[in-house]
Structure formats: structure tokens, C-alpha cells
PDB file of N, CA and C in Angstrom:
ATOM      1  N   MET A   1       0.761  -1.129  -0.120  1.00  0.00           N
ATOM      2  CA  MET A   1       0.055   0.022  -0.022  1.00  0.00           C
ATOM      3  C   MET A   1       0.990   1.212   0.093  1.00  0.00           C
ATOM      4  N   VAL A   2       0.640   2.100  -0.853  1.00  0.00           N
ATOM      5  CA  VAL A   2       1.199   3.441  -0.857  1.00  0.00           C
ATOM      6  C   VAL A   2       0.796   4.398   0.087  1.00  0.00           C
ATOM      7  N   PRO A   3       1.587   5.105   0.956  1.00  0.00           N
ATOM      8  CA  PRO A   3       1.106   6.171   1.865  1.00  0.00           C
ATOM      9  C   PRO A   3       0.454   7.222   0.996  1.00  0.00           C
ATOM     10  N   LEU A   4      -0.630   7.986   1.991  1.00  0.00           N
ATOM     11  CA  LEU A   4      -0.993   8.990   1.288  1.00  0.00           C
ATOM     12  C   LEU A   4      -0.338  10.321   1.439  1.00  0.00           C
ATOM     13  N   LEU A   5       0.177  11.016   0.250  1.00  0.00           N
ATOM     14  CA  LEU A   5       0.880  12.239   0.433  1.00  0.00           C
ATOM     15  C   LEU A   5      -0.001  13.431   0.268  1.00  0.00           C
ATOM     16  N   ARG A   6      -0.273  14.268   1.173  1.00  0.00           N
ATOM     17  CA  ARG A   6      -1.199  15.139   0.938  1.00  0.00           C
ATOM     18  C   ARG A   6      -0.500  16.625   0.478  1.00  0.00           C
ATOM     19  N   PRO A   7      -1.101  17.405  -0.494  1.00  0.00           N
ATOM     20  CA  PRO A   7      -0.724  18.711  -0.800  1.00  0.00           C
ATOM     21  C   PRO A   7      -0.039  19.422   0.349  1.00  0.00           C
ATOM     22  N   GLY A   8       0.813  19.768   0.135  1.00  0.00           N
ATOM     23  CA  GLY A   8       1.618  21.029   1.358  1.00  0.00           C
ATOM     24  C   GLY A   8       2.581  20.049   2.270  1.00  0.00           C
ATOM     25  N   SER A   9       2.500  18.700   2.122  1.00  0.00           N
ATOM     26  CA  SER A   9       3.129  17.947   2.956  1.00  0.00           C
ATOM     27  C   SER A   9       4.847  17.874   2.355  1.00  0.00           C
ATOM     28  N   PHE A  10       5.859  17.438   3.130  1.00  0.00           N
ATOM     29  CA  PHE A  10       7.102  17.343   2.799  1.00  0.00           C
ATOM     30  C   PHE A  10       7.386  15.927   2.563  1.00  0.00           C
ATOM     31  N   VAL A  11       8.321  15.697   1.445  1.00  0.00           N
ATOM     32  CA  VAL A  11       8.772  14.260   1.287  1.00  0.00           C
ATOM     33  C   VAL A  11      10.214  14.459   0.601  1.00  0.00           C
ATOM     34  N   ARG A  12      10.995  13.206   0.881  1.00  0.00           N
ATOM     35  CA  ARG A  12      12.143  12.881   0.421  1.00  0.00           C
ATOM     36  C   ARG A  12      12.247  11.802  -0.658  1.00  0.00           C
ATOM     37  N   LEU A  13      13.090  11.916  -1.609  1.00  0.00           N
ATOM     38  CA  LEU A  13      13.202  10.961  -2.728  1.00  0.00           C
ATOM     39  C   LEU A  13      13.980   9.791  -2.260  1.00  0.00           C
ATOM     40  N   ASP A  14      13.809   8.604  -2.867  1.00  0.00           N
ATOM     41  CA  ASP A  14      14.831   7.571  -2.746  1.00  0.00           C
ATOM     42  C   ASP A  14      16.145   8.190  -3.105  1.00  0.00           C
ATOM     43  N   ASN A  15      17.187   7.989  -2.183  1.00  0.00           N
ATOM     44  CA  ASN A  15      18.493   8.132  -2.429  1.00  0.00           C
ATOM     45  C   ASN A  15      18.771   9.539  -2.553  1.00  0.00           C
ATOM     46  N   GLN A  16      18.031  10.301  -1.902  1.00  0.00           N
ATOM     47  CA  GLN A  16      18.100  11.844  -1.911  1.00  0.00           C
ATOM     48  C   GLN A  16      19.150  12.114  -1.018  1.00  0.00           C
ATOM     49  N   PRO A  17      20.323  12.994  -1.350  1.00  0.00           N
ATOM     50  CA  PRO A  17      21.305  13.469  -0.777  1.00  0.00           C
ATOM     51  C   PRO A  17      20.965  14.242   0.596  1.00  0.00           C
ATOM     52  N   SER A  18      21.488  13.908   1.707  1.00  0.00           N
ATOM     53  CA  SER A  18      21.104  14.351   3.015  1.00  0.00           C
ATOM     54  C   SER A  18      21.025  15.800   3.220  1.00  0.00           C
ATOM     55  N   ASP A  19      22.031  16.422   2.295  1.00  0.00           N
ATOM     56  CA  ASP A  19      22.057  17.842   2.562  1.00  0.00           C
ATOM     57  C   ASP A  19      21.087  18.524   1.503  1.00  0.00           C
ATOM     58  N   LEU A  20      20.295  17.929   0.821  1.00  0.00           N
ATOM     59  CA  LEU A  20      19.128  18.484  -0.142  1.00  0.00           C
ATOM     60  C   LEU A  20      17.917  18.564   0.883  1.00  0.00           C
ATOM     61  N   PRO A  21      17.338  19.515   1.006  1.00  0.00           N
ATOM     62  CA  PRO A  21      16.083  19.960   1.741  1.00  0.00           C
ATOM     63  C   PRO A  21      14.849  19.067   1.235  1.00  0.00           C
ATOM     64  N   PRO A  22      13.926  18.621   2.029  1.00  0.00           N
ATOM     65  CA  PRO A  22      12.812  17.773   1.634  1.00  0.00           C
ATOM     66  C   PRO A  22      12.001  18.752   0.435  1.00  0.00           C
ATOM     67  N   PHE A  23      11.179  17.940  -0.480  1.00  0.00           N
ATOM     68  CA  PHE A  23      10.300  18.667  -1.499  1.00  0.00           C
ATOM     69  C   PHE A  23       9.124  18.690  -0.866  1.00  0.00           C
ATOM     70  N   GLN A  24       8.325  19.885  -1.257  1.00  0.00           N
ATOM     71  CA  GLN A  24       6.950  19.892  -1.019  1.00  0.00           C
ATOM     72  C   GLN A  24       5.952  19.498  -1.918  1.00  0.00           C
ATOM     73  N   VAL A  25       4.876  18.647  -1.487  1.00  0.00           N
ATOM     74  CA  VAL A  25       4.015  18.078  -2.557  1.00  0.00           C
ATOM     75  C   VAL A  25       3.022  19.129  -3.005  1.00  0.00           C
ATOM     76  N   LEU A  26       2.891  19.137  -4.060  1.00  0.00           N
ATOM     77  CA  LEU A  26       1.788  20.198  -4.868  1.00  0.00           C
ATOM     78  C   LEU A  26       0.525  19.425  -5.013  1.00  0.00           C
ATOM     79  N   HIS A  27       0.631  18.236  -5.698  1.00  0.00           N
ATOM     80  CA  HIS A  27      -0.537  17.269  -5.907  1.00  0.00           C
ATOM     81  C   HIS A  27      -0.155  16.028  -6.496  1.00  0.00           C
ATOM     82  N   CYS A  28      -0.834  14.959  -6.242  1.00  0.00           N
ATOM     83  CA  CYS A  28      -0.616  13.665  -6.821  1.00  0.00           C
ATOM     84  C   CYS A  28      -2.147  13.010  -7.530  1.00  0.00           C
ATOM     85  N   ARG A  29      -1.544  12.117  -8.485  1.00  0.00           N
ATOM     86  CA  ARG A  29      -2.564  11.798  -9.525  1.00  0.00           C
ATOM     87  C   ARG A  29      -2.099  10.625 -10.355  1.00  0.00           C
ATOM     88  N   GLY A  30      -2.742   9.535 -10.479  1.00  0.00           N
ATOM     89  CA  GLY A  30      -2.382   8.499 -11.286  1.00  0.00           C
ATOM     90  C   GLY A  30      -0.938   7.957 -10.924  1.00  0.00           C
ATOM     91  N   GLY A  31      -0.669   7.924  -9.744  1.00  0.00           N
ATOM     92  CA  GLY A  31       0.791   7.014  -9.415  1.00  0.00           C
ATOM     93  C   GLY A  31       1.758   8.091  -9.466  1.00  0.00           C
ATOM     94  N   ARG A  32       1.555   9.433  -9.733  1.00  0.00           N
ATOM     95  CA  ARG A  32       2.533  10.302  -9.807  1.00  0.00           C
ATOM     96  C   ARG A  32       2.359  11.669  -8.976  1.00  0.00           C
ATOM     97  N   CYS A  33       3.413  12.378  -8.565  1.00  0.00           N
ATOM     98  CA  CYS A  33       3.516  13.407  -7.568  1.00  0.00           C
ATOM     99  C   CYS A  33       4.076  14.659  -8.217  1.00  0.00           C
ATOM    100  N   TRP A  34       3.556  15.721  -8.083  1.00  0.00           N
ATOM    101  CA  TRP A  34       4.310  16.991  -8.529  1.00  0.00           C
ATOM    102  C   TRP A  34       4.962  17.675  -7.236  1.00  0.00           C
ATOM    103  N   VAL A  35       6.121  17.808  -7.283  1.00  0.00           N
ATOM    104  CA  VAL A  35       6.974  18.361  -6.156  1.00  0.00           C
ATOM    105  C   VAL A  35       7.724  19.777  -6.588  1.00  0.00           C
ATOM    106  N   ARG A  36       8.035  20.269  -5.403  1.00  0.00           N
ATOM    107  CA  ARG A  36       8.907  21.499  -5.715  1.00  0.00           C
ATOM    108  C   ARG A  36       9.873  21.637  -4.618  1.00  0.00           C
ATOM    109  N   GLN A  37      11.003  22.510  -4.857  1.00  0.00           N
ATOM    110  CA  GLN A  37      11.617  22.784  -3.518  1.00  0.00           C
ATOM    111  C   GLN A  37      11.268  24.242  -3.339  1.00  0.00           C
ATOM    112  N   GLN A  38      11.324  24.542  -2.015  1.00  0.00           N
ATOM    113  CA  GLN A  38      10.635  26.021  -1.743  1.00  0.00           C
ATOM    114  C   GLN A  38      11.618  27.009  -2.280  1.00  0.00           C
ATOM    115  N   SER A  39      12.930  26.747  -2.639  1.00  0.00           N
ATOM    116  CA  SER A  39      13.594  27.828  -2.997  1.00  0.00           C
ATOM    117  C   SER A  39      13.544  27.972  -4.712  1.00  0.00           C
ATOM    118  N   TRP A  40      12.919  27.048  -5.313  1.00  0.00           N
ATOM    119  CA  TRP A  40      12.450  27.009  -6.606  1.00  0.00           C
ATOM    120  C   TRP A  40      11.267  28.176  -6.807  1.00  0.00           C
ATOM    121  N   GLY A  41      11.233  28.932  -8.019  1.00  0.00           N
ATOM    122  CA  GLY A  41      10.114  29.551  -8.273  1.00  0.00           C
ATOM    123  C   GLY A  41       8.750  28.845  -8.276  1.00  0.00           C
ATOM    124  N   SER A  42       7.933  29.562  -8.187  1.00  0.00           N
ATOM    125  CA  SER A  42       6.405  28.915  -7.834  1.00  0.00           C
ATOM    126  C   SER A  42       5.957  28.170  -9.058  1.00  0.00           C
ATOM    127  N   HIS A  43       6.671  28.390 -10.195  1.00  0.00           N
ATOM    128  CA  HIS A  43       5.937  27.801 -11.458  1.00  0.00           C
ATOM    129  C   HIS A  43       7.013  26.651 -11.747  1.00  0.00           C
ATOM    130  N   VAL A  44       8.065  26.188 -11.020  1.00  0.00           N
ATOM    131  CA  VAL A  44       8.823  25.354 -11.401  1.00  0.00           C
ATOM    132  C   VAL A  44       8.490  23.938 -10.616  1.00  0.00           C
ATOM    133  N   GLN A  45       8.169  22.868 -11.330  1.00  0.00           N
ATOM    134  CA  GLN A  45       7.706  21.722 -10.571  1.00  0.00           C
ATOM    135  C   GLN A  45       8.331  20.344 -11.096  1.00  0.00           C
ATOM    136  N   TRP A  46       8.328  19.456 -10.437  1.00  0.00           N
ATOM    137  CA  TRP A  46       8.907  18.273 -11.052  1.00  0.00           C
ATOM    138  C   TRP A  46       8.007  16.910 -10.786  1.00  0.00           C
ATOM    139  N   GLU A  47       7.677  16.367 -11.808  1.00  0.00           N
ATOM    140  CA  GLU A  47       6.887  14.973 -11.868  1.00  0.00           C
ATOM    141  C   GLU A  47       7.670  13.864 -11.246  1.00  0.00           C
ATOM    142  N   VAL A  48       7.252  13.121 -10.445  1.00  0.00           N
ATOM    143  CA  VAL A  48       7.849  12.014  -9.726  1.00  0.00           C
ATOM    144  C   VAL A  48       7.073  11.043  -9.567  1.00  0.00           C
ATOM    145  N   GLU A  49       7.400   9.758  -9.787  1.00  0.00           N
ATOM    146  CA  GLU A  49       6.554   8.469  -9.374  1.00  0.00           C
ATOM    147  C   GLU A  49       6.471   8.496  -7.944  1.00  0.00           C
ATOM    148  N   HIS A  50       5.142   8.332  -7.447  1.00  0.00           N
ATOM    149  CA  HIS A  50       4.842   8.298  -6.071  1.00  0.00           C
ATOM    150  C   HIS A  50       5.765   7.363  -5.317  1.00  0.00           C
ATOM    151  N   GLU A  51       5.896   6.152  -5.993  1.00  0.00           N
ATOM    152  CA  GLU A  51       6.697   5.069  -5.073  1.00  0.00           C
ATOM    153  C   GLU A  51       8.085   5.481  -4.758  1.00  0.00           C
ATOM    154  N   ARG A  52       8.606   6.546  -5.410  1.00  0.00           N
ATOM    155  CA  ARG A  52       9.945   6.915  -5.057  1.00  0.00           C
ATOM    156  C   ARG A  52      10.046   8.187  -3.778  1.00  0.00           C
ATOM    157  N   LEU A  53       8.880   8.432  -3.262  1.00  0.00           N
ATOM    158  CA  LEU A  53       8.725   9.374  -2.212  1.00  0.00           C
ATOM    159  C   LEU A  53       8.390   8.820  -0.853  1.00  0.00           C
ATOM    160  N   SER A  54       8.890   9.262   0.128  1.00  0.00           N
ATOM    161  CA  SER A  54       8.444   9.005   1.478  1.00  0.00           C
ATOM    162  C   SER A  54       8.162  10.150   2.289  1.00  0.00           C
ATOM    163  N   ALA A  55       7.343  10.254   3.122  1.00  0.00           N
ATOM    164  CA  ALA A  55       7.291  11.323   4.126  1.00  0.00           C
ATOM    165  C   ALA A  55       8.346  11.825   4.676  1.00  0.00           C
ATOM    166  N   ALA A  56       8.682  13.218   4.932  1.00  0.00           N
ATOM    167  CA  ALA A  56       9.912  13.615   5.631  1.00  0.00           C
ATOM    168  C   ALA A  56       9.895  13.552   7.102  1.00  0.00           C
TER     169      ALA A  56
END
């Protein structure tokens, strides 16, 4: 079972370097989530497979 990742929550990627801050979840749909770093502009997003994410 895949954990529920709510918009606004923070997640880490598999094998994410420890010096990289957690990503913020924008939304999830169809096994994919759109995430961003807070330091990125508000229009920059990254689409990631849900299974690669875990709650921070």
C-alpha cells in the first residue's frame, strides 16, 4: 500500500542526498506526484513516481 501524500506535506526521494532539503508536494494523481523545492520559483515543478517518495 502506498502512503497518502497530501498537498503541502514534505517528502524525500529515494537516495536523496542528506544535504538537499525535503520537497513539498503540490498534488498527486495516477501514481505520480508533482513536487517542488521551496527555493525554486512557484512555477517550477518536478513530476515524480509516487513510489519514489516517502514522508519527510
